[in-house]
Amino acid sequence: MIEKLASTDLPSPHLRLKQCRHGVMLYNIRDQYVGGSLDRYGEFAELEAQLFSGLIKPGMLVVEVGANIGAHTVHLAKLVGENGGVVAIEPQRVIFQMLCANLALNGIENTDAKCLAVGATAGEITVPRVDYRGDNDFGGIALGSDDGDVVEMITLDNLLLPACHMIKIDVEGMEKPVLDGARQTIARFRPYLYVEDDRLDKHAELIATLFDLEYRLWWHLPWLFNPGNFAGNSENIFPNITSFNLICLPRESAPDEIEGGVEVKSVTDPHPLAR
């Protein structure tokens, strides 16, 4: 029944409900990347999801900062299982509502979803007002504009987590503040870190922060299009589009190398976008 639902079956024509690779997903067809991928391919950033499958084990606790509508959250929740947990944080109210819908649709009970922002200090920050019925990249909305809706901002250390095995950070330029507000958590639990790094003007400072936290870093540059996608769709609507992420492992336990990964050894190492 779910596979047969079309946009006209939902109250809003920009929303669709579909069986995707990792579960039933409610998404916005006006969304350039997340919604567009789910609509055409039945998955989003699956090459990232495959990496998580190799890192995450049952019983772990994962923190996802910038969870969006839960395209990865549902998968992470299934990976950690009933004895694990996910803390999924998303500051955009409408996107957060879709995140909660997707958790409910898939019967996910091990995930704590929070409509908050995360930074270096607790306080407040502005979330820009967005027309969710128009075309946009709703996963690329940066916080801190002069006009918008005020949302509470916390630090990850504020959460006083009982454990932490991985922190995934996708926050449109606020990666360093998120890490600065998680220093106690990182020092205590030494989790894997998976951090987006696609801002050239913030790259060196972010690398310096991760080195200061005593981590080794490797580039993970997965293509957005997966030829083996769930829908079996061979049309690539994202040619030459890759994500720029860092796999970060505690220096004291990191392997000598990661297969297929290029290690970042210095703050002065060039960003792939600058090569």
Protein backbone atom coordinates (compact mmCIF):
# COMPACT_ATOMS: atom_id res chain seq x y z
CA MET A 1 0.00 0.00 0.00
CA ILE A 2 2.76 2.45 0.90
CA GLU A 3 4.54 1.91 -2.41
CA LYS A 4 1.36 2.94 -4.26
CA LEU A 5 0.90 6.22 -2.40
CA ALA A 6 1.39 9.32 -4.55
CA SER A 7 1.69 12.96 -3.57
CA THR A 8 -2.07 13.37 -4.07
CA ASP A 9 -2.67 10.84 -1.30
CA LEU A 10 -1.19 13.26 1.24
CA PRO A 11 -2.66 16.57 2.44
CA SER A 12 0.21 18.58 0.94
CA PRO A 13 1.26 17.99 -2.69
CA HIS A 14 4.95 18.68 -1.93
CA LEU A 15 5.11 15.70 0.44
CA ARG A 16 5.45 12.03 -0.46
CA LEU A 17 5.53 8.78 1.44
CA LYS A 18 7.55 5.90 0.07
CA GLN A 19 9.19 2.61 0.96
CA CYS A 20 12.92 3.29 0.80
CA ARG A 21 16.02 1.20 1.43
CA HIS A 22 16.13 1.72 5.19
CA GLY A 23 12.43 2.16 5.88
CA VAL A 24 9.28 4.08 5.08
CA MET A 25 10.15 7.73 4.52
CA LEU A 26 8.09 10.92 4.45
CA TYR A 27 9.97 13.54 2.43
CA ASN A 28 9.63 16.81 0.54
CA ILE A 29 9.92 16.54 -3.24
CA ARG A 30 10.96 20.21 -3.34
CA ASP A 31 14.14 19.38 -1.44
CA GLN A 32 17.07 19.35 -3.85
CA TYR A 33 19.22 16.65 -2.29
CA VAL A 34 17.60 14.65 0.53
CA GLY A 35 14.07 14.65 -0.88
CA GLY A 36 15.28 14.44 -4.47
CA SER A 37 17.40 11.39 -3.67
CA LEU A 38 14.69 9.59 -1.75
CA ASP A 39 12.17 10.30 -4.51
CA ARG A 40 14.32 9.02 -7.38
CA TYR A 41 16.56 6.46 -5.73
CA GLY A 42 14.79 5.34 -2.56
CA GLU A 43 17.83 6.30 -0.50
CA PHE A 44 20.00 9.27 0.43
CA ALA A 45 23.81 9.32 0.64
CA GLU A 46 23.86 5.53 0.76
CA LEU A 47 27.65 5.42 0.47
CA GLU A 48 27.76 7.20 3.84
CA ALA A 49 25.22 4.76 5.24
CA GLN A 50 27.43 1.87 4.15
CA LEU A 51 30.31 3.35 6.14
CA PHE A 52 28.11 3.59 9.23
CA SER A 53 27.17 -0.07 8.82
CA GLY A 54 30.84 -0.95 9.29
CA LEU A 55 31.34 1.28 12.32
CA ILE A 56 28.17 0.96 14.36
CA LYS A 57 27.41 -2.12 16.45
CA PRO A 58 24.35 -3.12 18.50
CA GLY A 59 24.26 -1.48 21.91
CA MET A 60 26.10 1.69 20.88
CA LEU A 61 24.86 5.22 21.49
CA VAL A 62 25.10 7.59 18.52
CA VAL A 63 24.58 11.35 18.48
CA GLU A 64 23.46 12.88 15.19
CA VAL A 65 23.76 16.66 15.09
CA GLY A 66 21.83 17.90 12.08
CA ALA A 67 19.58 14.89 11.62
CA ASN A 68 17.34 16.54 8.99
CA ILE A 69 14.28 14.35 8.25
CA GLY A 70 15.99 11.19 9.50
CA ALA A 71 17.24 9.65 6.24
CA HIS A 72 20.27 8.39 8.20
CA THR A 73 18.66 8.39 11.64
CA VAL A 74 16.34 5.48 10.89
CA HIS A 75 19.30 3.44 9.63
CA LEU A 76 21.46 4.34 12.64
CA ALA A 77 18.64 3.43 15.02
CA LYS A 78 18.36 0.00 13.42
CA LEU A 79 22.12 -0.52 13.58
CA VAL A 80 22.35 0.17 17.34
CA GLY A 81 19.32 -2.03 18.02
CA GLU A 82 17.02 -2.25 21.01
CA ASN A 83 19.88 -2.05 23.52
CA GLY A 84 21.44 1.00 21.87
CA GLY A 85 20.23 4.50 21.26
CA VAL A 86 20.38 7.56 19.03
CA VAL A 87 20.11 11.21 19.99
CA ALA A 88 18.90 13.02 16.86
CA ILE A 89 19.06 16.81 16.92
CA GLU A 90 17.46 19.06 14.29
CA PRO A 91 16.75 22.80 14.75
CA GLN A 92 14.38 23.44 11.83
CA ARG A 93 10.89 22.98 13.25
CA VAL A 94 9.20 21.71 10.06
CA ILE A 95 12.11 19.40 9.25
CA PHE A 96 12.09 18.19 12.85
CA GLN A 97 8.40 17.31 12.53
CA MET A 98 9.22 15.15 9.51
CA LEU A 99 12.07 13.54 11.45
CA CYS A 100 9.62 12.55 14.18
CA ALA A 101 7.14 11.28 11.59
CA ASN A 102 9.79 9.03 10.04
CA LEU A 103 10.80 7.65 13.42
CA ALA A 104 7.15 6.88 14.19
CA LEU A 105 6.44 5.38 10.77
CA ASN A 106 9.29 2.92 11.25
CA GLY A 107 8.46 2.00 14.83
CA ILE A 108 11.72 3.47 16.12
CA GLU A 109 11.63 3.61 19.93
CA ASN A 110 15.33 3.90 20.76
CA THR A 111 15.81 7.46 19.45
CA ASP A 112 15.50 10.71 21.38
CA ALA A 113 14.69 13.49 18.89
CA LYS A 114 15.34 17.06 19.97
CA CYS A 115 14.35 20.30 18.21
CA LEU A 116 17.45 22.22 19.25
CA ALA A 117 20.58 23.80 17.89
CA VAL A 118 24.04 22.78 19.11
CA GLY A 119 27.00 25.08 19.64
CA ALA A 120 29.98 25.93 21.81
CA THR A 121 27.83 27.52 24.51
CA ALA A 122 24.23 27.30 25.63
CA GLY A 123 21.90 30.08 24.59
CA GLU A 124 19.72 30.87 21.59
CA ILE A 125 20.21 31.15 17.85
CA THR A 126 18.04 32.16 14.90
CA VAL A 127 16.77 29.65 12.35
CA PRO A 128 15.93 31.36 9.02
CA ARG A 129 12.32 31.18 7.88
CA VAL A 130 12.07 28.95 4.83
CA ASP A 131 9.29 28.28 2.32
CA TYR A 132 9.11 24.48 2.49
CA ARG A 133 6.71 24.41 -0.46
CA GLY A 134 9.30 25.95 -2.78
CA ASP A 135 12.47 24.49 -4.28
CA ASN A 136 15.47 24.61 -1.95
CA ASP A 137 18.24 22.63 -0.31
CA PHE A 138 16.61 22.23 3.10
CA GLY A 139 19.63 20.36 4.42
CA GLY A 140 21.86 23.34 3.65
CA ILE A 141 20.18 26.00 5.79
CA ALA A 142 22.78 27.81 7.92
CA LEU A 143 21.76 29.12 11.35
CA GLY A 144 22.37 32.56 12.79
CA SER A 145 20.57 34.89 10.38
CA ASP A 146 19.29 38.29 11.51
CA ASP A 147 15.68 37.32 10.89
CA GLY A 148 13.90 34.08 11.67
CA ASP A 149 12.69 31.91 14.51
CA VAL A 150 14.66 31.72 17.74
CA VAL A 151 15.55 28.21 18.91
CA GLU A 152 17.30 27.04 22.04
CA MET A 153 20.98 26.16 21.62
CA ILE A 154 22.71 23.64 23.86
CA THR A 155 26.13 22.05 24.02
CA LEU A 156 26.55 18.28 23.71
CA ASP A 157 28.21 18.36 27.12
CA ASN A 158 24.90 19.72 28.51
CA LEU A 159 23.28 16.37 27.66
CA LEU A 160 25.35 14.48 30.25
CA LEU A 161 25.27 11.37 28.11
CA PRO A 162 25.78 8.00 29.83
CA ALA A 163 27.83 6.81 26.83
CA CYS A 164 28.79 7.99 23.35
CA HIS A 165 30.24 5.84 20.57
CA MET A 166 29.84 8.09 17.53
CA ILE A 167 29.01 11.73 16.86
CA LYS A 168 27.85 12.61 13.36
CA ILE A 169 27.95 16.35 12.63
CA ASP A 170 26.34 18.03 9.61
CA VAL A 171 25.65 21.63 10.61
CA GLU A 172 26.52 23.93 7.71
CA GLY A 173 29.63 25.64 9.04
CA MET A 174 29.01 25.21 12.79
CA GLU A 175 31.10 22.04 13.08
CA LYS A 176 33.83 23.65 15.21
CA PRO A 177 31.40 25.17 17.75
CA VAL A 178 29.67 21.80 18.08
CA LEU A 179 33.01 20.13 18.83
CA ASP A 180 34.02 22.87 21.27
CA GLY A 181 30.79 22.29 23.18
CA ALA A 182 31.44 18.55 23.28
CA ARG A 183 35.00 18.53 24.61
CA GLN A 184 34.13 16.86 27.93
CA THR A 185 31.99 14.22 26.21
CA ILE A 186 34.72 13.51 23.64
CA ALA A 187 37.45 13.34 26.29
CA ARG A 188 35.40 10.92 28.39
CA PHE A 189 34.12 8.52 25.74
CA ARG A 190 36.50 8.96 22.77
CA PRO A 191 33.78 8.34 20.17
CA TYR A 192 34.14 8.05 16.42
CA LEU A 193 33.52 11.43 14.82
CA TYR A 194 32.03 11.85 11.34
CA VAL A 195 32.22 15.53 10.48
CA GLU A 196 31.23 17.42 7.37
CA ASP A 197 34.00 19.72 6.11
CA ASP A 198 32.82 21.57 3.01
CA ARG A 199 33.57 25.20 3.93
CA LEU A 200 36.98 26.31 2.69
CA ASP A 201 36.99 29.34 4.98
CA LYS A 202 36.46 27.14 8.05
CA HIS A 203 38.56 24.14 7.03
CA ALA A 204 41.89 24.94 8.73
CA GLU A 205 40.25 25.89 12.02
CA LEU A 206 38.17 22.71 12.00
CA ILE A 207 41.22 20.52 11.33
CA ALA A 208 43.15 22.27 14.11
CA THR A 209 40.28 21.61 16.54
CA LEU A 210 40.17 17.91 15.68
CA PHE A 211 43.93 17.61 16.06
CA ASP A 212 43.66 19.37 19.44
CA LEU A 213 41.11 16.73 20.47
CA GLU A 214 43.79 14.10 19.69
CA TYR A 215 42.14 12.52 16.64
CA ARG A 216 43.48 11.19 13.38
CA LEU A 217 41.51 12.21 10.31
CA TRP A 218 40.80 10.70 6.91
CA TRP A 219 38.82 12.15 4.06
CA HIS A 220 35.60 10.38 3.11
CA LEU A 221 34.38 11.69 -0.24
CA PRO A 222 31.38 9.58 -1.26
CA TRP A 223 29.48 10.35 -4.44
CA LEU A 224 25.89 11.38 -3.83
CA PHE A 225 24.71 9.07 -6.62
CA ASN A 226 24.89 5.36 -5.91
CA PRO A 227 24.81 3.20 -9.09
CA GLY A 228 23.42 0.35 -7.00
CA ASN A 229 20.61 2.44 -5.58
CA PHE A 230 17.47 0.90 -4.06
CA ALA A 231 15.21 2.01 -6.93
CA GLY A 232 17.53 0.63 -9.63
CA ASN A 233 17.51 4.05 -11.32
CA SER A 234 20.54 4.49 -13.60
CA GLU A 235 19.95 8.20 -14.26
CA ASN A 236 22.46 10.30 -12.31
CA ILE A 237 20.87 13.64 -11.46
CA PHE A 238 23.87 14.53 -9.27
CA PRO A 239 26.83 14.31 -11.67
CA ASN A 240 30.18 15.23 -10.12
CA ILE A 241 28.58 15.90 -6.71
CA THR A 242 30.36 14.43 -3.72
CA SER A 243 30.20 14.97 0.02
CA PHE A 244 33.24 16.25 1.90
CA ASN A 245 33.43 14.48 5.23
CA LEU A 246 36.09 13.51 7.74
CA ILE A 247 36.30 10.14 9.46
CA CYS A 248 37.93 10.89 12.80
CA LEU A 249 39.29 8.20 15.10
CA PRO A 250 40.94 8.63 18.53
CA ARG A 251 44.69 8.89 18.03
CA GLU A 252 45.37 6.30 20.72
CA SER A 253 43.31 3.59 19.00
CA ALA A 254 43.34 4.55 15.33
CA PRO A 255 44.66 2.04 12.77
CA ASP A 256 47.73 2.79 10.71
CA GLU A 257 45.50 3.53 7.74
CA ILE A 258 41.92 3.31 6.51
CA GLU A 259 41.31 1.49 3.25
CA GLY A 260 40.55 4.00 0.53
CA GLY A 261 40.96 6.97 2.86
CA VAL A 262 43.48 9.79 2.47
CA GLU A 263 44.78 10.90 5.85
CA VAL A 264 44.88 14.57 6.79
CA LYS A 265 48.25 15.02 8.45
CA SER A 266 48.53 18.79 8.75
CA VAL A 267 46.38 21.90 9.05
CA THR A 268 48.06 23.06 5.85
CA ASP A 269 47.01 19.99 3.85
CA PRO A 270 44.86 21.32 0.99
CA HIS A 271 41.12 20.76 1.01
CA PRO A 272 40.01 18.62 -1.98
CA LEU A 273 37.99 21.58 -3.26
CA ALA A 274 41.19 23.65 -3.43
CA ARG A 275 43.27 21.15 -5.36
